[in-house]
C-alpha atoms as a PDB file:
ATOM      1  CA  MET A   1      25.501  38.292   0.999  1.00  0.00           C
ATOM      2  CA  GLU A   2      22.721  40.140   2.714  1.00  0.00           C
ATOM      3  CA  ILE A   3      20.342  38.664   5.237  1.00  0.00           C
ATOM      4  CA  GLY A   4      17.646  38.171   2.575  1.00  0.00           C
ATOM      5  CA  GLY A   5      20.040  36.082   0.491  1.00  0.00           C
ATOM      6  CA  TRP A   6      20.859  33.827   3.427  1.00  0.00           C
ATOM      7  CA  ILE A   7      17.185  33.305   4.191  1.00  0.00           C
ATOM      8  CA  ALA A   8      16.532  32.333   0.559  1.00  0.00           C
ATOM      9  CA  VAL A   9      19.428  29.851   0.640  1.00  0.00           C
ATOM     10  CA  ILE A  10      18.174  28.296   3.892  1.00  0.00           C
ATOM     11  CA  ILE A  11      14.616  27.970   2.585  1.00  0.00           C
ATOM     12  CA  ALA A  12      15.843  26.453  -0.691  1.00  0.00           C
ATOM     13  CA  ALA A  13      18.009  23.962   1.215  1.00  0.00           C
ATOM     14  CA  LEU A  14      15.038  22.967   3.397  1.00  0.00           C
ATOM     15  CA  VAL A  15      12.781  22.428   0.383  1.00  0.00           C
ATOM     16  CA  VAL A  16      15.405  20.334  -1.423  1.00  0.00           C
ATOM     17  CA  GLY A  17      16.092  18.331   1.752  1.00  0.00           C
ATOM     18  CA  LEU A  18      12.395  17.614   2.269  1.00  0.00           C
ATOM     19  CA  ALA A  19      11.932  16.516  -1.342  1.00  0.00           C
ATOM     20  CA  VAL A  20      14.984  14.229  -1.283  1.00  0.00           C
ATOM     21  CA  GLY A  21      13.939  12.787   2.077  1.00  0.00           C
ATOM     22  CA  PHE A  22      10.381  12.134   0.919  1.00  0.00           C
ATOM     23  CA  PHE A  23      11.330  10.380  -2.316  1.00  0.00           C
ATOM     24  CA  GLY A  24      14.155   8.465  -0.647  1.00  0.00           C
ATOM     25  CA  ALA A  25      11.874   7.182   2.110  1.00  0.00           C
ATOM     26  CA  ARG A  26       9.201   6.241  -0.433  1.00  0.00           C
ATOM     27  CA  PHE A  27      11.742   4.301  -2.512  1.00  0.00           C
ATOM     28  CA  PHE A  28      13.044   2.327   0.481  1.00  0.00           C
ATOM     29  CA  PHE A  29       9.526   1.661   1.790  1.00  0.00           C
ATOM     30  CA  LYS A  30       8.410   0.239  -1.577  1.00  0.00           C
ATOM     31  CA  LYS A  31      11.568  -1.882  -1.754  1.00  0.00           C
ATOM     32  CA  GLN A  32      10.896  -3.312   1.723  1.00  0.00           C
ATOM     33  CA  LEU A  33       7.274  -4.104   0.841  1.00  0.00           C
ATOM     34  CA  GLU A  34       8.398  -6.038  -2.236  1.00  0.00           C
ATOM     35  CA  LYS A  35      10.901  -8.057  -0.172  1.00  0.00           C
ATOM     36  CA  ASN A  36       8.516  -8.642   2.759  1.00  0.00           C
ATOM     37  CA  PRO A  37       4.926  -8.501   1.548  1.00  0.00           C
ATOM     38  CA  PRO A  38       2.347  -7.849   4.259  1.00  0.00           C
ATOM     39  CA  ILE A  39       0.425 -11.010   3.309  1.00  0.00           C
ATOM     40  CA  THR A  40       1.542 -14.291   1.752  1.00  0.00           C
ATOM     41  CA  GLU A  41      -0.261 -17.097  -0.042  1.00  0.00           C
ATOM     42  CA  LYS A  42       0.062 -19.212   3.094  1.00  0.00           C
ATOM     43  CA  MET A  43      -1.739 -16.516   5.091  1.00  0.00           C
ATOM     44  CA  VAL A  44      -4.552 -16.370   2.521  1.00  0.00           C
ATOM     45  CA  ARG A  45      -5.004 -20.144   2.708  1.00  0.00           C
ATOM     46  CA  THR A  46      -5.037 -19.986   6.517  1.00  0.00           C
ATOM     47  CA  MET A  47      -7.726 -17.279   6.473  1.00  0.00           C
ATOM     48  CA  PHE A  48      -9.876 -19.368   4.142  1.00  0.00           C
ATOM     49  CA  ALA A  49      -9.384 -22.406   6.402  1.00  0.00           C
ATOM     50  CA  GLN A  50     -10.481 -20.383   9.436  1.00  0.00           C
ATOM     51  CA  MET A  51     -13.663 -19.489   7.555  1.00  0.00           C
ATOM     52  CA  GLY A  52     -14.220 -23.190   6.875  1.00  0.00           C
ATOM     53  CA  ARG A  53     -13.464 -23.028   3.151  1.00  0.00           C
ATOM     54  CA  LYS A  54     -10.860 -24.638   0.934  1.00  0.00           C
ATOM     55  CA  PRO A  55      -9.662 -22.040  -1.605  1.00  0.00           C
ATOM     56  CA  SER A  56      -8.840 -22.970  -5.156  1.00  0.00           C
ATOM     57  CA  GLU A  57      -5.457 -21.954  -6.556  1.00  0.00           C
ATOM     58  CA  LYS A  58      -7.258 -19.445  -8.781  1.00  0.00           C
ATOM     59  CA  GLN A  59      -8.836 -17.734  -5.766  1.00  0.00           C
ATOM     60  CA  VAL A  60      -5.495 -17.494  -3.970  1.00  0.00           C
ATOM     61  CA  ARG A  61      -3.780 -16.014  -7.051  1.00  0.00           C
ATOM     62  CA  GLU A  62      -6.661 -13.571  -7.542  1.00  0.00           C
ATOM     63  CA  ILE A  63      -6.378 -12.324  -3.956  1.00  0.00           C
ATOM     64  CA  MET A  64      -2.598 -11.977  -4.242  1.00  0.00           C
ATOM     65  CA  ARG A  65      -2.959 -10.054  -7.511  1.00  0.00           C
ATOM     66  CA  SER A  66      -5.519  -7.698  -5.955  1.00  0.00           C
ATOM     67  CA  MET A  67      -3.162  -7.078  -3.007  1.00  0.00           C
ATOM     68  CA  LYS A  68      -0.339  -5.972  -5.325  1.00  0.00           C
ATOM     69  CA  GLN A  69      -2.449  -3.241  -6.892  1.00  0.00           C
END
């Protein structure tokens, strides 16, 4: 193999490695977010309480639904 062939192989390997790494990291990140959401219903209720309001169940569900989008 000539030097140009080796360079092409190295570049191809880098591109494939970057693509696999990107999609793998994205998959694991999404999986972690589903297991450990950044905000829970309890947190939403606490925020409402700090504002001096008592949220209805509908409001809490609506906020949680909007967070998942």
